[in-house]
Amino acid sequence: MTTPPATPSRTDVVPHLLVNNIEVVYDHVILVLKGVSLEVPTGKMVALLGANGAGKSTTLKAISNLLKAERGAVTKGTIEYRGQRVDRLGTDDLVGLGVCQVMEGRHCFPHLTVEENLLTGAFARRASGKGLKDDLNKVYHYFPRLKQRRSSQAGYTSGGEQQMIAVGRALMAAPSLVLLDEPSMGLAPQVVEEIFEIVRDLNARERVSFLIAEQNTMAALRVSDYGYILENGRVVMDGEANALAGNEDVKEFYLGLSAAGRKSFRDVKHYRRRKRWLT
């Protein structure tokens, strides 16, 4: 009688992205990240949350190897993508493997048209012909507003449209993992909701994994499967997105809400002394 193979446990599954106990130092002296660990399972959306200056953008830049341009370096720990260590690879190598970052602030080419901006995303993989046209049509399917503005200069589009351009440009590189940095910054709530819904649709239909660094805690948790909260360069809490969204500490510290109702900013900032989630 043949024994059936054992079902692999969660620990047997290689995460899409695994960040293991990394430290990041700027200018050889400023310690910004202090032992950050996280993972992004294949086909999932993970939120990286925290206040401004908590280390969210630095974490994304450590993963995409953009720190060197800012005189930063990963001095401890490892970063693995699909089981392969990648923290020593170049940014272009990572893009070739399927890792793309959408930078904070969108960074479109203002004097190029919307379509020309999108096409720059396909440059690294040398796409052309029918394949390139199909990829462009796919972006227009998810972002129909960009199709309407395809001949407009990107510098004359709205902030929401520029964020769509930035995400669409990343999709043109055919990524399997997108690092999305502060997608809601400077946008109206209705536009933020629209962009997050499109990102969730992309995740569901295209199976693109997302790591989303975001200050808008509730907006990010609504579309994510899991979340990590950073404070002063450390992960202080993590869990399923629904659990974090319902956590009283998270609601109090990030929304000024508690079981007793809304609090003033002066009351909320007392958490820095209590740090209940570290006890």
Protein backbone atom coordinates (compact mmCIF):
# COMPACT_ATOMS: atom_id res chain seq x y z
CA MET A 1 0.00 0.00 0.00
CA THR A 2 1.41 3.39 -1.09
CA THR A 3 1.46 6.20 1.42
CA PRO A 4 0.06 9.43 -0.08
CA PRO A 5 2.46 12.40 -0.08
CA ALA A 6 2.13 14.74 2.85
CA THR A 7 0.43 18.05 2.25
CA PRO A 8 3.07 20.79 2.52
CA SER A 9 2.73 23.09 5.50
CA ARG A 10 2.87 26.86 5.19
CA THR A 11 6.55 26.77 6.16
CA ASP A 12 7.27 24.57 3.11
CA VAL A 13 5.92 27.17 0.69
CA VAL A 14 8.50 29.62 -0.62
CA PRO A 15 7.12 33.18 -0.33
CA HIS A 16 7.09 35.37 -3.40
CA LEU A 17 9.14 37.88 -1.42
CA LEU A 18 10.96 37.27 1.86
CA VAL A 19 12.65 40.10 3.77
CA ASN A 20 14.63 38.63 6.65
CA ASN A 21 15.88 40.80 9.53
CA ILE A 22 17.33 43.62 7.42
CA GLU A 23 19.06 46.70 8.70
CA VAL A 24 19.57 49.80 6.54
CA VAL A 25 22.17 52.49 7.18
CA TYR A 26 22.46 55.86 5.42
CA ASP A 27 25.79 57.69 5.10
CA HIS A 28 27.52 54.85 6.99
CA VAL A 29 26.09 56.09 10.27
CA ILE A 30 22.29 56.65 10.32
CA LEU A 31 20.45 53.45 11.22
CA VAL A 32 16.98 53.63 9.64
CA LEU A 33 15.68 50.05 9.56
CA LYS A 34 16.31 47.86 12.60
CA GLY A 35 15.70 44.18 11.95
CA VAL A 36 12.70 44.40 9.59
CA SER A 37 11.21 41.09 8.47
CA LEU A 38 8.18 40.53 6.26
CA GLU A 39 6.90 38.32 3.49
CA VAL A 40 4.58 38.60 0.50
CA PRO A 41 2.94 35.31 -0.51
CA THR A 42 2.43 34.65 -4.21
CA GLY A 43 -0.62 36.40 -5.61
CA LYS A 44 -1.36 38.33 -2.40
CA MET A 45 -1.56 41.98 -1.41
CA VAL A 46 0.38 43.06 1.67
CA ALA A 47 0.18 46.50 3.29
CA LEU A 48 3.22 48.15 4.90
CA LEU A 49 1.79 50.77 7.23
CA GLY A 50 3.11 53.51 9.47
CA ALA A 51 3.44 57.23 9.95
CA ASN A 52 5.66 59.47 7.85
CA GLY A 53 9.30 58.64 8.62
CA ALA A 54 8.57 55.14 9.94
CA GLY A 55 10.75 53.50 7.26
CA LYS A 56 8.18 52.36 4.69
CA SER A 57 9.82 53.90 1.62
CA THR A 58 13.25 52.80 2.80
CA THR A 59 11.99 49.22 3.04
CA LEU A 60 10.72 49.32 -0.55
CA LYS A 61 13.96 50.86 -1.80
CA ALA A 62 15.94 48.19 0.01
CA ILE A 63 13.94 45.52 -1.82
CA SER A 64 14.30 47.20 -5.24
CA ASN A 65 17.97 48.08 -4.62
CA LEU A 66 17.51 51.83 -5.04
CA LEU A 67 19.28 52.74 -1.81
CA LYS A 68 22.70 53.27 -3.32
CA ALA A 69 21.52 56.40 -5.14
CA GLU A 70 20.67 57.89 -1.72
CA ARG A 71 23.89 56.76 -0.01
CA GLY A 72 22.10 53.94 1.77
CA ALA A 73 22.88 50.25 2.10
CA VAL A 74 21.49 47.03 3.54
CA THR A 75 24.09 46.17 6.18
CA LYS A 76 22.43 43.12 7.72
CA GLY A 77 19.89 40.46 6.76
CA THR A 78 18.77 39.07 3.41
CA ILE A 79 16.11 39.68 0.76
CA GLU A 80 14.85 36.75 -1.32
CA TYR A 81 12.57 36.76 -4.35
CA ARG A 82 11.08 33.39 -5.30
CA GLY A 83 13.70 31.67 -3.18
CA GLN A 84 16.64 33.51 -4.80
CA ARG A 85 18.70 36.03 -2.86
CA VAL A 86 18.43 39.37 -4.67
CA ASP A 87 19.78 42.05 -2.31
CA ARG A 88 23.07 42.04 -4.23
CA LEU A 89 21.54 42.33 -7.69
CA GLY A 90 21.20 45.52 -9.73
CA THR A 91 17.86 47.26 -10.14
CA ASP A 92 17.73 46.35 -13.84
CA ASP A 93 18.27 42.69 -12.94
CA LEU A 94 15.35 42.84 -10.54
CA VAL A 95 13.08 44.37 -13.18
CA GLY A 96 14.08 41.51 -15.47
CA LEU A 97 13.07 39.04 -12.78
CA GLY A 98 9.66 40.70 -12.42
CA VAL A 99 10.03 43.22 -9.56
CA CYS A 100 8.86 46.80 -10.24
CA GLN A 101 8.56 49.78 -7.93
CA VAL A 102 6.10 52.63 -8.34
CA MET A 103 7.85 55.51 -6.61
CA GLU A 104 6.25 57.91 -4.17
CA GLY A 105 5.20 61.08 -6.01
CA ARG A 106 4.45 59.30 -9.31
CA HIS A 107 7.44 60.73 -11.27
CA CYS A 108 5.92 60.80 -14.76
CA PHE A 109 7.78 62.29 -17.71
CA PRO A 110 5.79 65.53 -18.00
CA HIS A 111 6.74 66.41 -21.59
CA LEU A 112 5.86 62.96 -22.97
CA THR A 113 2.31 61.93 -23.78
CA VAL A 114 0.41 59.50 -21.59
CA GLU A 115 1.01 56.70 -24.09
CA GLU A 116 4.71 57.49 -24.42
CA ASN A 117 5.02 57.33 -20.64
CA LEU A 118 3.40 53.90 -20.64
CA LEU A 119 5.65 52.64 -23.42
CA THR A 120 8.78 53.49 -21.42
CA GLY A 121 7.74 50.75 -19.00
CA ALA A 122 8.26 48.10 -21.68
CA PHE A 123 11.76 49.29 -22.61
CA ALA A 124 13.61 47.00 -20.18
CA ARG A 125 12.13 43.83 -21.68
CA ARG A 126 12.50 44.96 -25.31
CA ALA A 127 8.83 44.33 -26.10
CA SER A 128 7.64 45.16 -29.62
CA GLY A 129 5.00 44.46 -32.24
CA LYS A 130 1.77 42.69 -31.33
CA GLY A 131 2.96 41.83 -27.82
CA LEU A 132 3.57 45.48 -27.04
CA LYS A 133 0.17 46.48 -28.44
CA ASP A 134 -1.56 43.78 -26.41
CA ASP A 135 0.15 44.96 -23.21
CA LEU A 136 -0.86 48.54 -23.94
CA ASN A 137 -4.47 47.52 -24.52
CA LYS A 138 -4.43 45.62 -21.22
CA VAL A 139 -3.35 48.79 -19.40
CA TYR A 140 -6.09 50.75 -21.15
CA HIS A 141 -8.59 48.08 -20.10
CA TYR A 142 -7.78 48.63 -16.43
CA PHE A 143 -7.33 52.40 -16.80
CA PRO A 144 -9.89 53.52 -19.42
CA ARG A 145 -9.29 57.16 -18.46
CA LEU A 146 -5.71 56.85 -19.75
CA LYS A 147 -7.00 55.68 -23.10
CA GLN A 148 -9.06 58.85 -23.35
CA ARG A 149 -5.97 60.95 -22.48
CA ARG A 150 -3.42 58.88 -24.44
CA SER A 151 -2.31 61.84 -26.62
CA SER A 152 -2.20 64.41 -23.79
CA GLN A 153 1.07 65.49 -22.23
CA ALA A 154 1.42 63.77 -18.86
CA GLY A 155 2.33 67.05 -17.17
CA TYR A 156 -1.16 68.37 -17.93
CA THR A 157 -3.04 65.42 -16.42
CA SER A 158 -4.49 65.31 -12.90
CA GLY A 159 -2.74 63.81 -9.90
CA GLY A 160 -4.99 60.76 -10.04
CA GLU A 161 -4.28 60.26 -13.74
CA GLN A 162 -0.55 60.55 -13.12
CA GLN A 163 -0.79 57.86 -10.43
CA MET A 164 -2.60 55.68 -12.98
CA ILE A 165 0.18 56.36 -15.49
CA ALA A 166 2.80 55.32 -12.92
CA VAL A 167 1.02 52.04 -12.13
CA GLY A 168 0.30 51.39 -15.82
CA ARG A 169 3.95 52.02 -16.71
CA ALA A 170 4.97 49.41 -14.13
CA LEU A 171 2.49 46.93 -15.61
CA MET A 172 4.10 47.39 -19.04
CA ALA A 173 7.22 45.74 -17.58
CA ALA A 174 5.15 42.55 -17.03
CA PRO A 175 5.92 42.33 -13.29
CA SER A 176 4.90 39.58 -10.91
CA LEU A 177 5.55 41.80 -7.87
CA VAL A 178 4.82 45.53 -7.66
CA LEU A 179 6.16 47.70 -4.83
CA LEU A 180 3.66 50.54 -4.55
CA ASP A 181 4.83 53.54 -2.52
CA GLU A 182 2.21 55.92 -1.06
CA PRO A 183 -0.35 55.67 -3.92
CA SER A 184 -2.86 57.87 -2.06
CA MET A 185 -0.52 60.82 -1.48
CA GLY A 186 -2.10 64.14 -2.47
CA LEU A 187 -5.22 62.57 -3.98
CA ALA A 188 -8.89 63.11 -3.20
CA PRO A 189 -10.58 60.24 -1.28
CA GLN A 190 -12.75 59.29 -4.26
CA VAL A 191 -9.68 59.01 -6.52
CA VAL A 192 -7.83 56.99 -3.86
CA GLU A 193 -10.72 54.54 -3.69
CA GLU A 194 -10.80 54.23 -7.49
CA ILE A 195 -7.07 53.50 -7.72
CA PHE A 196 -7.14 50.94 -4.92
CA GLU A 197 -10.07 49.16 -6.57
CA ILE A 198 -8.13 48.96 -9.84
CA VAL A 199 -5.09 47.60 -7.97
CA ARG A 200 -7.27 44.96 -6.30
CA ASP A 201 -8.72 44.02 -9.69
CA LEU A 202 -5.20 43.66 -11.12
CA ASN A 203 -4.25 41.41 -8.24
CA ALA A 204 -7.33 39.22 -8.67
CA ARG A 205 -7.24 38.94 -12.47
CA GLU A 206 -3.54 39.07 -13.31
CA ARG A 207 -2.25 37.47 -10.07
CA VAL A 208 0.25 40.29 -9.61
CA SER A 209 1.50 40.44 -6.00
CA PHE A 210 1.60 43.86 -4.33
CA LEU A 211 3.50 45.30 -1.38
CA ILE A 212 1.85 48.64 -0.64
CA ALA A 213 3.55 51.23 1.58
CA GLU A 214 0.82 53.56 2.77
CA GLN A 215 -0.08 56.07 5.49
CA ASN A 216 -3.80 55.74 4.71
CA THR A 217 -4.16 52.70 6.95
CA MET A 218 -7.82 51.84 6.41
CA ALA A 219 -7.72 52.33 2.62
CA ALA A 220 -4.75 49.97 2.35
CA LEU A 221 -6.19 47.35 4.70
CA ARG A 222 -9.49 47.28 2.78
CA VAL A 223 -7.73 45.83 -0.28
CA SER A 224 -4.93 43.86 1.38
CA ASP A 225 -4.71 40.31 2.69
CA TYR A 226 -2.10 40.98 5.37
CA GLY A 227 -0.44 43.97 6.97
CA TYR A 228 2.70 45.06 8.82
CA ILE A 229 2.97 48.23 10.92
CA LEU A 230 6.30 50.02 11.12
CA GLU A 231 7.35 52.44 13.81
CA ASN A 232 10.82 54.00 13.99
CA GLY A 233 12.28 51.42 11.62
CA ARG A 234 10.85 48.34 13.37
CA VAL A 235 7.85 46.10 12.74
CA VAL A 236 5.70 46.55 15.84
CA MET A 237 2.59 44.67 14.73
CA ASP A 238 1.46 42.39 11.92
CA GLY A 239 -1.56 40.27 11.12
CA GLU A 240 -4.43 39.56 8.78
CA ALA A 241 -5.81 42.76 7.28
CA ASN A 242 -9.29 42.29 8.77
CA ALA A 243 -7.83 41.76 12.23
CA LEU A 244 -5.65 44.87 12.00
CA ALA A 245 -8.54 46.97 10.70
CA GLY A 246 -10.61 45.98 13.73
CA ASN A 247 -7.80 46.35 16.26
CA GLU A 248 -8.55 49.04 18.84
CA ASP A 249 -4.91 50.18 19.05
CA VAL A 250 -4.68 50.60 15.27
CA LYS A 251 -7.93 52.58 15.17
CA GLU A 252 -6.82 54.77 18.06
CA PHE A 253 -3.26 55.41 16.92
CA TYR A 254 -3.97 56.01 13.24
CA LEU A 255 -7.53 57.29 13.13
CA GLY A 256 -7.94 58.97 16.51
CA LEU A 257 -10.74 56.54 17.32
CA SER A 258 -11.26 54.21 20.24
CA ALA A 259 -14.07 52.33 21.92
CA ALA A 260 -14.85 55.57 23.74
CA GLY A 261 -15.16 57.52 20.48
CA ARG A 262 -12.99 60.03 18.67
CA LYS A 263 -10.04 61.49 20.57
CA SER A 264 -8.04 64.63 20.04
CA PHE A 265 -4.53 64.48 18.58
CA ARG A 266 -3.16 65.45 21.98
CA ASP A 267 -4.75 62.35 23.52
CA VAL A 268 -3.75 60.02 20.69
CA LYS A 269 -0.06 60.84 20.76
CA HIS A 270 0.18 59.43 24.30
CA TYR A 271 0.63 56.01 22.63
CA ARG A 272 4.31 56.85 22.12
CA ARG A 273 4.77 56.45 25.86
CA ARG A 274 2.41 53.52 26.35
CA LYS A 275 3.32 51.44 23.26
CA ARG A 276 0.72 48.88 24.30
CA TRP A 277 1.49 46.62 21.34
CA LEU A 278 5.10 46.15 22.48
CA THR A 279 4.16 44.96 25.98
